[in-house]
Amino acid sequence: MTTLRLRPEDPADEAPVARVLAGAFARPDVATPPEVGLVDELRRSEDWIPELAMVAEYGGEVVGYALLTRVRVRADDSAYSALALGPVAVAPHRQRIGHGTAVVQAALDAATELDEQLVVVLGDPNFYRRFGFSRADRMGLTSPWSGLGEPWQALVLPPVGEEPAPPQGEVVFPPPWSKV
């Protein structure tokens, strides 16, 4: 019986991850979806956290991907660390059978183990609600996507100890995100 294996990405996964992203985000108007370039640029940035780039492998094939990278929450004169979830992708031939849910949960579990506190995402509320995400604007978080309403979401990760409340303010994404 073949099982789904969830693990951090390793360097040999770069091409298979690019194929998964290209398949999941394929559009007739572009040869290569911008999400492929986004991941490549994030890999080379200071915002990359190798333990939070998760792949789902089935039968030796990379079939899913979920990435968490560093963002900042600017509040008054301070900045706080948080994470952005995305891109999340599943190979078209393996969609709608739980691989996306599994790889996102693995990434969120890994972030919790690293004592991360806050994750933001722009995506389908029906999908992300299952992990506990809710409207980010109602949590006092703004971004270039705040005006989209429900798709702009945030999740406070389970605290490990006595953690302060998550920051409120403007979420600042690293430069590669401006190309998506």
N, C-alpha and C. Protein backbone atom coordinates (compact mmCIF):
# COMPACT_ATOMS: atom_id res chain seq x y z
N MET A 1 0.84 -1.19 0.00
CA MET A 1 0.00 0.00 0.00
C MET A 1 0.89 1.25 0.00
N THR A 2 0.63 2.15 -0.92
CA THR A 2 1.38 3.40 -1.00
C THR A 2 0.77 4.41 -0.04
N THR A 3 1.63 5.08 0.72
CA THR A 3 1.15 6.10 1.65
C THR A 3 1.73 7.46 1.27
N LEU A 4 1.08 8.47 1.76
CA LEU A 4 1.54 9.84 1.54
C LEU A 4 2.62 10.14 2.56
N ARG A 5 3.74 10.61 2.10
CA ARG A 5 4.86 10.98 2.97
C ARG A 5 4.99 12.49 2.98
N LEU A 6 5.03 13.07 4.16
CA LEU A 6 5.15 14.52 4.32
C LEU A 6 6.50 14.82 4.94
N ARG A 7 7.23 15.76 4.32
CA ARG A 7 8.59 16.06 4.80
C ARG A 7 9.02 17.42 4.29
N PRO A 8 10.06 17.99 4.92
CA PRO A 8 10.60 19.25 4.38
C PRO A 8 11.23 19.03 3.01
N GLU A 9 11.14 20.05 2.20
CA GLU A 9 11.76 20.02 0.87
C GLU A 9 13.27 19.87 1.02
N ASP A 10 13.88 19.16 0.08
CA ASP A 10 15.34 19.14 0.02
C ASP A 10 15.75 19.63 -1.37
N PRO A 11 17.03 19.94 -1.58
CA PRO A 11 17.45 20.53 -2.87
C PRO A 11 17.04 19.71 -4.09
N ALA A 12 16.98 18.41 -3.98
CA ALA A 12 16.59 17.58 -5.12
C ALA A 12 15.12 17.75 -5.50
N ASP A 13 14.35 18.39 -4.63
CA ASP A 13 12.92 18.58 -4.89
C ASP A 13 12.60 19.82 -5.70
N GLU A 14 13.60 20.67 -5.99
CA GLU A 14 13.29 21.95 -6.65
C GLU A 14 12.56 21.76 -7.98
N ALA A 15 13.04 20.89 -8.85
CA ALA A 15 12.39 20.68 -10.15
C ALA A 15 11.02 20.03 -9.98
N PRO A 16 10.87 18.98 -9.15
CA PRO A 16 9.53 18.42 -8.96
C PRO A 16 8.55 19.42 -8.35
N VAL A 17 9.01 20.26 -7.43
CA VAL A 17 8.13 21.27 -6.85
C VAL A 17 7.71 22.26 -7.95
N ALA A 18 8.63 22.66 -8.80
CA ALA A 18 8.29 23.56 -9.90
C ALA A 18 7.23 22.94 -10.81
N ARG A 19 7.33 21.64 -11.07
CA ARG A 19 6.33 20.96 -11.90
C ARG A 19 4.96 20.95 -11.22
N VAL A 20 4.93 20.70 -9.91
CA VAL A 20 3.66 20.71 -9.17
C VAL A 20 3.04 22.10 -9.22
N LEU A 21 3.86 23.13 -8.96
CA LEU A 21 3.37 24.51 -9.00
C LEU A 21 2.86 24.86 -10.40
N ALA A 22 3.63 24.50 -11.42
CA ALA A 22 3.24 24.82 -12.80
C ALA A 22 1.92 24.14 -13.16
N GLY A 23 1.74 22.90 -12.74
CA GLY A 23 0.50 22.19 -13.03
C GLY A 23 -0.68 22.74 -12.27
N ALA A 24 -0.48 23.04 -11.01
CA ALA A 24 -1.58 23.51 -10.17
C ALA A 24 -2.03 24.93 -10.54
N PHE A 25 -1.09 25.77 -10.97
CA PHE A 25 -1.41 27.16 -11.27
C PHE A 25 -1.42 27.47 -12.77
N ALA A 26 -1.48 26.44 -13.60
CA ALA A 26 -1.45 26.62 -15.05
C ALA A 26 -2.57 27.55 -15.52
N ARG A 27 -2.19 28.44 -16.43
CA ARG A 27 -3.14 29.36 -17.06
C ARG A 27 -2.79 29.45 -18.53
N PRO A 28 -3.79 29.60 -19.38
CA PRO A 28 -3.49 29.64 -20.82
C PRO A 28 -2.73 30.88 -21.26
N ASP A 29 -2.74 31.94 -20.44
CA ASP A 29 -2.12 33.20 -20.87
C ASP A 29 -0.65 33.33 -20.47
N VAL A 30 -0.10 32.36 -19.72
CA VAL A 30 1.32 32.42 -19.33
C VAL A 30 1.96 31.06 -19.50
N ALA A 31 3.23 31.07 -19.95
CA ALA A 31 3.95 29.80 -20.12
C ALA A 31 4.31 29.19 -18.77
N THR A 32 4.77 30.03 -17.86
CA THR A 32 5.14 29.58 -16.52
C THR A 32 4.42 30.45 -15.51
N PRO A 33 3.60 29.85 -14.65
CA PRO A 33 2.88 30.64 -13.66
C PRO A 33 3.84 31.39 -12.73
N PRO A 34 3.47 32.59 -12.28
CA PRO A 34 4.36 33.38 -11.43
C PRO A 34 4.69 32.70 -10.10
N GLU A 35 3.88 31.78 -9.65
CA GLU A 35 4.15 31.08 -8.39
C GLU A 35 5.44 30.28 -8.45
N VAL A 36 5.82 29.80 -9.64
CA VAL A 36 7.08 29.07 -9.80
C VAL A 36 8.25 30.00 -9.51
N GLY A 37 8.23 31.18 -10.11
CA GLY A 37 9.28 32.16 -9.87
C GLY A 37 9.28 32.67 -8.44
N LEU A 38 8.09 32.82 -7.87
CA LEU A 38 7.99 33.28 -6.48
C LEU A 38 8.76 32.34 -5.56
N VAL A 39 8.53 31.05 -5.68
CA VAL A 39 9.22 30.08 -4.82
C VAL A 39 10.72 30.12 -5.06
N ASP A 40 11.14 30.20 -6.32
CA ASP A 40 12.58 30.29 -6.62
C ASP A 40 13.21 31.50 -5.95
N GLU A 41 12.55 32.65 -6.04
CA GLU A 41 13.09 33.86 -5.42
C GLU A 41 13.07 33.78 -3.89
N LEU A 42 12.01 33.23 -3.34
CA LEU A 42 11.94 33.10 -1.88
C LEU A 42 13.03 32.17 -1.36
N ARG A 43 13.36 31.12 -2.12
CA ARG A 43 14.43 30.21 -1.70
C ARG A 43 15.76 30.95 -1.52
N ARG A 44 15.97 31.98 -2.30
CA ARG A 44 17.24 32.73 -2.24
C ARG A 44 17.16 33.93 -1.30
N SER A 45 16.07 34.09 -0.59
CA SER A 45 15.90 35.26 0.26
C SER A 45 16.17 34.93 1.73
N GLU A 46 16.33 35.97 2.51
CA GLU A 46 16.52 35.80 3.95
C GLU A 46 15.22 35.39 4.64
N ASP A 47 14.11 35.42 3.92
CA ASP A 47 12.81 35.06 4.49
C ASP A 47 12.49 33.58 4.36
N TRP A 48 13.38 32.83 3.73
CA TRP A 48 13.22 31.39 3.54
C TRP A 48 13.52 30.66 4.84
N ILE A 49 12.66 29.73 5.19
CA ILE A 49 12.86 28.89 6.38
C ILE A 49 12.78 27.45 5.88
N PRO A 50 13.91 26.78 5.69
CA PRO A 50 13.92 25.46 5.04
C PRO A 50 12.98 24.44 5.69
N GLU A 51 12.86 24.48 6.99
CA GLU A 51 11.99 23.51 7.69
C GLU A 51 10.51 23.73 7.41
N LEU A 52 10.17 24.86 6.82
CA LEU A 52 8.76 25.19 6.58
C LEU A 52 8.37 25.16 5.10
N ALA A 53 9.22 24.54 4.28
CA ALA A 53 8.90 24.26 2.88
C ALA A 53 8.59 22.77 2.83
N MET A 54 7.30 22.43 2.82
CA MET A 54 6.88 21.03 2.97
C MET A 54 6.41 20.44 1.64
N VAL A 55 6.82 19.19 1.40
CA VAL A 55 6.35 18.47 0.23
C VAL A 55 5.52 17.27 0.68
N ALA A 56 4.60 16.90 -0.18
CA ALA A 56 3.84 15.67 -0.04
C ALA A 56 4.33 14.76 -1.15
N GLU A 57 4.74 13.58 -0.77
CA GLU A 57 5.29 12.61 -1.73
C GLU A 57 4.41 11.37 -1.72
N TYR A 58 4.04 10.92 -2.91
CA TYR A 58 3.20 9.73 -3.03
C TYR A 58 3.82 8.81 -4.07
N GLY A 59 4.15 7.61 -3.67
CA GLY A 59 4.78 6.66 -4.59
C GLY A 59 6.10 7.17 -5.14
N GLY A 60 6.84 7.93 -4.34
CA GLY A 60 8.12 8.47 -4.76
C GLY A 60 8.03 9.74 -5.59
N GLU A 61 6.82 10.21 -5.85
CA GLU A 61 6.60 11.42 -6.66
C GLU A 61 6.16 12.57 -5.77
N VAL A 62 6.76 13.75 -5.94
CA VAL A 62 6.30 14.94 -5.24
C VAL A 62 4.97 15.35 -5.86
N VAL A 63 3.91 15.35 -5.04
CA VAL A 63 2.57 15.64 -5.54
C VAL A 63 1.93 16.84 -4.86
N GLY A 64 2.56 17.37 -3.80
CA GLY A 64 1.99 18.50 -3.10
C GLY A 64 3.05 19.37 -2.48
N TYR A 65 2.68 20.61 -2.20
CA TYR A 65 3.64 21.57 -1.68
C TYR A 65 2.92 22.62 -0.86
N ALA A 66 3.51 22.99 0.27
CA ALA A 66 3.02 24.11 1.08
C ALA A 66 4.24 24.84 1.63
N LEU A 67 4.24 26.14 1.46
CA LEU A 67 5.38 26.95 1.86
C LEU A 67 4.98 28.01 2.87
N LEU A 68 5.76 28.12 3.93
CA LEU A 68 5.64 29.21 4.91
C LEU A 68 6.93 29.99 4.88
N THR A 69 6.85 31.30 4.67
CA THR A 69 8.03 32.15 4.68
C THR A 69 7.78 33.34 5.60
N ARG A 70 8.85 33.99 5.95
CA ARG A 70 8.82 35.11 6.89
C ARG A 70 8.18 36.35 6.29
N VAL A 71 7.30 36.96 7.05
CA VAL A 71 6.77 38.30 6.77
C VAL A 71 6.91 39.10 8.06
N ARG A 72 6.66 40.39 7.98
CA ARG A 72 6.73 41.25 9.16
C ARG A 72 5.39 41.92 9.38
N VAL A 73 5.04 42.12 10.64
CA VAL A 73 3.86 42.90 10.99
C VAL A 73 4.36 44.19 11.59
N ARG A 74 4.06 45.29 10.90
CA ARG A 74 4.49 46.61 11.36
C ARG A 74 3.38 47.21 12.22
N ALA A 75 3.73 47.52 13.45
CA ALA A 75 2.78 48.13 14.38
C ALA A 75 3.50 49.30 15.06
N ASP A 76 2.99 50.50 14.84
CA ASP A 76 3.64 51.70 15.38
C ASP A 76 5.08 51.74 14.90
N ASP A 77 6.03 51.80 15.83
CA ASP A 77 7.45 51.87 15.46
C ASP A 77 8.14 50.52 15.58
N SER A 78 7.37 49.45 15.73
CA SER A 78 7.95 48.12 15.91
C SER A 78 7.58 47.21 14.74
N ALA A 79 8.33 46.14 14.60
CA ALA A 79 8.02 45.11 13.61
C ALA A 79 8.11 43.75 14.30
N TYR A 80 7.15 42.90 13.99
CA TYR A 80 7.08 41.57 14.59
C TYR A 80 7.13 40.52 13.48
N SER A 81 7.72 39.39 13.78
CA SER A 81 7.80 38.30 12.81
C SER A 81 6.49 37.54 12.75
N ALA A 82 6.14 37.14 11.55
CA ALA A 82 5.00 36.27 11.30
C ALA A 82 5.34 35.43 10.08
N LEU A 83 4.40 34.63 9.64
CA LEU A 83 4.61 33.77 8.47
C LEU A 83 3.50 33.98 7.45
N ALA A 84 3.85 33.82 6.18
CA ALA A 84 2.87 33.80 5.10
C ALA A 84 2.82 32.38 4.55
N LEU A 85 1.61 31.86 4.40
CA LEU A 85 1.40 30.55 3.81
C LEU A 85 1.13 30.73 2.32
N GLY A 86 1.95 30.08 1.51
CA GLY A 86 1.72 30.14 0.09
C GLY A 86 3.04 30.18 -0.67
N PRO A 87 3.04 29.69 -1.85
CA PRO A 87 1.92 29.00 -2.47
C PRO A 87 1.70 27.59 -1.91
N VAL A 88 0.48 27.17 -2.04
CA VAL A 88 0.08 25.79 -1.72
C VAL A 88 -0.37 25.18 -3.04
N ALA A 89 0.11 24.00 -3.36
CA ALA A 89 -0.22 23.38 -4.64
C ALA A 89 -0.26 21.87 -4.53
N VAL A 90 -1.12 21.28 -5.34
CA VAL A 90 -1.19 19.83 -5.48
C VAL A 90 -1.23 19.53 -6.98
N ALA A 91 -0.46 18.52 -7.39
CA ALA A 91 -0.47 18.11 -8.79
C ALA A 91 -1.90 17.82 -9.23
N PRO A 92 -2.29 18.29 -10.42
CA PRO A 92 -3.68 18.12 -10.86
C PRO A 92 -4.21 16.69 -10.75
N HIS A 93 -3.39 15.70 -11.03
CA HIS A 93 -3.88 14.31 -10.99
C HIS A 93 -4.03 13.77 -9.56
N ARG A 94 -3.64 14.55 -8.53
CA ARG A 94 -3.77 14.11 -7.14
C ARG A 94 -4.62 15.07 -6.32
N GLN A 95 -5.36 15.96 -6.97
CA GLN A 95 -6.18 16.92 -6.24
C GLN A 95 -7.48 16.29 -5.75
N ARG A 96 -8.03 16.92 -4.72
CA ARG A 96 -9.33 16.58 -4.14
C ARG A 96 -9.37 15.22 -3.46
N ILE A 97 -8.19 14.78 -2.97
CA ILE A 97 -8.15 13.52 -2.23
C ILE A 97 -7.41 13.67 -0.89
N GLY A 98 -7.21 14.93 -0.47
CA GLY A 98 -6.64 15.18 0.85
C GLY A 98 -5.18 15.54 0.92
N HIS A 99 -4.48 15.52 -0.21
CA HIS A 99 -3.05 15.83 -0.17
C HIS A 99 -2.78 17.29 0.21
N GLY A 100 -3.61 18.21 -0.27
CA GLY A 100 -3.45 19.61 0.07
C GLY A 100 -3.65 19.85 1.56
N THR A 101 -4.69 19.27 2.11
CA THR A 101 -4.94 19.39 3.55
C THR A 101 -3.77 18.83 4.34
N ALA A 102 -3.28 17.68 3.93
CA ALA A 102 -2.18 17.03 4.65
C ALA A 102 -0.90 17.86 4.63
N VAL A 103 -0.55 18.41 3.47
CA VAL A 103 0.72 19.15 3.39
C VAL A 103 0.61 20.50 4.10
N VAL A 104 -0.56 21.14 4.06
CA VAL A 104 -0.73 22.39 4.82
C VAL A 104 -0.65 22.10 6.31
N GLN A 105 -1.31 21.05 6.77
CA GLN A 105 -1.26 20.74 8.19
C GLN A 105 0.16 20.42 8.64
N ALA A 106 0.91 19.73 7.80
CA ALA A 106 2.31 19.43 8.14
C ALA A 106 3.12 20.71 8.28
N ALA A 107 2.91 21.67 7.38
CA ALA A 107 3.62 22.95 7.46
C ALA A 107 3.24 23.71 8.72
N LEU A 108 1.94 23.74 9.04
CA LEU A 108 1.49 24.44 10.25
C LEU A 108 2.01 23.76 11.51
N ASP A 109 2.05 22.44 11.52
CA ASP A 109 2.61 21.71 12.67
C ASP A 109 4.09 22.03 12.84
N ALA A 110 4.82 22.09 11.73
CA ALA A 110 6.25 22.42 11.81
C ALA A 110 6.44 23.84 12.32
N ALA A 111 5.59 24.77 11.90
CA ALA A 111 5.69 26.15 12.38
C ALA A 111 5.40 26.22 13.89
N THR A 112 4.44 25.45 14.34
CA THR A 112 4.12 25.41 15.77
C THR A 112 5.32 24.89 16.55
N GLU A 113 5.98 23.86 16.03
CA GLU A 113 7.17 23.31 16.69
C GLU A 113 8.31 24.32 16.77
N LEU A 114 8.34 25.26 15.82
CA LEU A 114 9.37 26.30 15.82
C LEU A 114 8.94 27.52 16.64
N ASP A 115 7.84 27.39 17.37
CA ASP A 115 7.31 28.46 18.24
C ASP A 115 6.84 29.68 17.46
N GLU A 116 6.43 29.50 16.23
CA GLU A 116 5.86 30.61 15.46
C GLU A 116 4.46 30.89 16.02
N GLN A 117 4.02 32.13 15.85
CA GLN A 117 2.77 32.53 16.48
C GLN A 117 1.65 32.89 15.51
N LEU A 118 2.01 33.44 14.35
CA LEU A 118 0.98 33.98 13.48
C LEU A 118 1.27 33.61 12.03
N VAL A 119 0.21 33.18 11.31
CA VAL A 119 0.31 32.84 9.89
C VAL A 119 -0.80 33.58 9.15
N VAL A 120 -0.44 34.19 8.02
CA VAL A 120 -1.43 34.83 7.16
C VAL A 120 -1.48 34.09 5.83
N VAL A 121 -2.62 34.19 5.17
CA VAL A 121 -2.80 33.54 3.86
C VAL A 121 -3.84 34.30 3.07
N LEU A 122 -3.70 34.27 1.77
CA LEU A 122 -4.72 34.77 0.86
C LEU A 122 -5.21 33.56 0.09
N GLY A 123 -6.46 33.18 0.31
CA GLY A 123 -6.95 31.99 -0.35
C GLY A 123 -8.40 31.71 -0.04
N ASP A 124 -8.86 30.58 -0.49
CA ASP A 124 -10.25 30.17 -0.36
C ASP A 124 -10.62 29.93 1.10
N PRO A 125 -11.52 30.74 1.66
CA PRO A 125 -11.90 30.55 3.05
C PRO A 125 -12.47 29.16 3.34
N ASN A 126 -13.15 28.56 2.37
CA ASN A 126 -13.72 27.23 2.58
C ASN A 126 -12.63 26.19 2.81
N PHE A 127 -11.48 26.37 2.18
CA PHE A 127 -10.37 25.45 2.38
C PHE A 127 -9.63 25.76 3.69
N TYR A 128 -9.26 27.02 3.88
CA TYR A 128 -8.39 27.37 5.01
C TYR A 128 -9.11 27.40 6.35
N ARG A 129 -10.41 27.52 6.34
CA ARG A 129 -11.17 27.51 7.59
C ARG A 129 -10.96 26.21 8.37
N ARG A 130 -10.74 25.11 7.68
CA ARG A 130 -10.56 23.81 8.35
C ARG A 130 -9.34 23.78 9.26
N PHE A 131 -8.41 24.71 9.04
CA PHE A 131 -7.20 24.78 9.88
C PHE A 131 -7.35 25.81 11.00
N GLY A 132 -8.43 26.55 10.98
CA GLY A 132 -8.66 27.57 12.00
C GLY A 132 -8.44 28.99 11.52
N PHE A 133 -8.15 29.19 10.24
CA PHE A 133 -7.97 30.55 9.72
C PHE A 133 -9.30 31.30 9.77
N SER A 134 -9.21 32.61 9.99
CA SER A 134 -10.37 33.50 9.94
C SER A 134 -9.93 34.83 9.35
N ARG A 135 -10.88 35.71 9.14
CA ARG A 135 -10.59 36.99 8.48
C ARG A 135 -9.49 37.75 9.22
N ALA A 136 -8.45 38.11 8.48
CA ALA A 136 -7.32 38.81 9.07
C ALA A 136 -7.67 40.25 9.43
N ASP A 137 -8.54 40.87 8.64
CA ASP A 137 -8.90 42.26 8.93
C ASP A 137 -9.61 42.36 10.29
N ARG A 138 -10.32 41.34 10.67
CA ARG A 138 -10.99 41.34 11.98
C ARG A 138 -10.02 41.09 13.13
N MET A 139 -8.79 40.71 12.79
CA MET A 139 -7.74 40.52 13.80
C MET A 139 -6.81 41.74 13.84
N GLY A 140 -7.18 42.79 13.10
CA GLY A 140 -6.37 44.00 13.09
C GLY A 140 -5.16 43.93 12.18
N LEU A 141 -5.22 43.05 11.16
CA LEU A 141 -4.10 42.89 10.23
C LEU A 141 -4.49 43.43 8.86
N THR A 142 -3.63 44.26 8.31
CA THR A 142 -3.86 44.81 6.98
C THR A 142 -2.74 44.37 6.04
N SER A 143 -3.01 44.48 4.75
CA SER A 143 -2.02 44.15 3.72
C SER A 143 -2.53 44.71 2.40
N PRO A 144 -1.77 44.55 1.34
CA PRO A 144 -2.30 44.97 0.02
C PRO A 144 -3.58 44.23 -0.36
N TRP A 145 -3.85 43.10 0.30
CA TRP A 145 -5.02 42.28 -0.04
C TRP A 145 -6.17 42.44 0.95
N SER A 146 -6.05 43.36 1.89
CA SER A 146 -7.10 43.55 2.91
C SER A 146 -8.47 43.80 2.29
N GLY A 147 -8.52 44.53 1.21
CA GLY A 147 -9.78 44.87 0.58
C GLY A 147 -10.52 43.69 -0.01
N LEU A 148 -9.87 42.54 -0.08
CA LEU A 148 -10.53 41.35 -0.64
C LEU A 148 -11.47 40.68 0.36
N GLY A 149 -11.41 41.11 1.62
CA GLY A 149 -12.33 40.57 2.62
C GLY A 149 -11.97 39.17 3.06
N GLU A 150 -12.91 38.24 2.90
CA GLU A 150 -12.75 36.89 3.44
C GLU A 150 -11.50 36.14 3.01
N PRO A 151 -11.02 36.26 1.76
CA PRO A 151 -9.81 35.53 1.38
C PRO A 151 -8.55 35.95 2.15
N TRP A 152 -8.52 37.17 2.70
CA TRP A 152 -7.38 37.63 3.49
C TRP A 152 -7.58 37.10 4.91
N GLN A 153 -6.77 36.08 5.29
CA GLN A 153 -7.00 35.35 6.52
C GLN A 153 -5.75 35.23 7.38
N ALA A 154 -5.99 34.92 8.65
CA ALA A 154 -4.88 34.73 9.59
C ALA A 154 -5.22 33.62 10.56
N LEU A 155 -4.18 33.05 11.12
CA LEU A 155 -4.30 31.97 12.10
C LEU A 155 -3.30 32.22 13.21
N VAL A 156 -3.76 32.20 14.45
CA VAL A 156 -2.87 32.25 15.59
C VAL A 156 -2.56 30.80 15.94
N LEU A 157 -1.28 30.46 15.92
CA LEU A 157 -0.87 29.08 16.21
C LEU A 157 -0.97 28.81 17.70
N PRO A 158 -1.19 27.55 18.05
CA PRO A 158 -1.28 27.22 19.47
C PRO A 158 -0.02 27.63 20.21
N PRO A 159 -0.17 28.36 21.30
CA PRO A 159 1.02 28.79 22.05
C PRO A 159 1.68 27.61 22.76
N VAL A 160 3.00 27.69 22.86
CA VAL A 160 3.77 26.67 23.56
C VAL A 160 3.78 26.98 25.06
N GLY A 161 3.83 28.24 25.39
CA GLY A 161 3.84 28.66 26.79
C GLY A 161 2.94 29.87 26.94
N GLU A 162 3.32 30.74 27.82
CA GLU A 162 2.57 31.98 28.00
C GLU A 162 3.04 33.00 26.97
N GLU A 163 2.40 33.00 25.84
CA GLU A 163 2.78 33.88 24.75
C GLU A 163 1.91 35.13 24.76
N PRO A 164 2.48 36.27 24.37
CA PRO A 164 1.66 37.47 24.25
C PRO A 164 0.69 37.35 23.08
N ALA A 165 -0.32 38.19 23.05
CA ALA A 165 -1.28 38.21 21.95
C ALA A 165 -0.53 38.53 20.66
N PRO A 166 -1.01 38.01 19.53
CA PRO A 166 -0.32 38.29 18.27
C PRO A 166 -0.40 39.78 17.94
N PRO A 167 0.58 40.27 17.19
CA PRO A 167 0.60 41.68 16.85
C PRO A 167 -0.53 42.06 15.90
N GLN A 168 -0.89 43.31 15.93
CA GLN A 168 -1.82 43.88 14.97
C GLN A 168 -1.07 44.93 14.18
N GLY A 169 -1.42 45.10 12.93
CA GLY A 169 -0.77 46.12 12.12
C GLY A 169 -0.73 45.71 10.66
N GLU A 170 0.17 46.33 9.92
CA GLU A 170 0.31 46.08 8.50
C GLU A 170 1.27 44.91 8.26
N VAL A 171 0.82 43.90 7.51
CA VAL A 171 1.67 42.77 7.16
C VAL A 171 2.49 43.17 5.93
N VAL A 172 3.81 43.12 6.09
CA VAL A 172 4.72 43.52 5.02
C VAL A 172 5.35 42.25 4.44
N PHE A 173 5.09 42.03 3.16
CA PHE A 173 5.59 40.86 2.47
C PHE A 173 6.95 41.17 1.85
N PRO A 174 7.83 40.18 1.73
CA PRO A 174 9.13 40.40 1.07
C PRO A 174 8.92 40.72 -0.41
N PRO A 175 9.89 41.38 -1.04
CA PRO A 175 9.75 41.83 -2.43
C PRO A 175 9.30 40.77 -3.44
N PRO A 176 9.71 39.50 -3.36
CA PRO A 176 9.25 38.55 -4.38
C PRO A 176 7.72 38.46 -4.49
N TRP A 177 7.01 38.72 -3.41
CA TRP A 177 5.56 38.63 -3.44
C TRP A 177 4.92 39.67 -4.35
N SER A 178 5.61 40.76 -4.63
CA SER A 178 5.01 41.81 -5.46
C SER A 178 4.83 41.38 -6.92
N LYS A 179 5.45 40.27 -7.28
CA LYS A 179 5.38 39.80 -8.68
C LYS A 179 4.23 38.81 -8.93
N VAL A 180 3.49 38.51 -7.88
CA VAL A 180 2.40 37.52 -8.04
C VAL A 180 1.06 38.22 -8.17
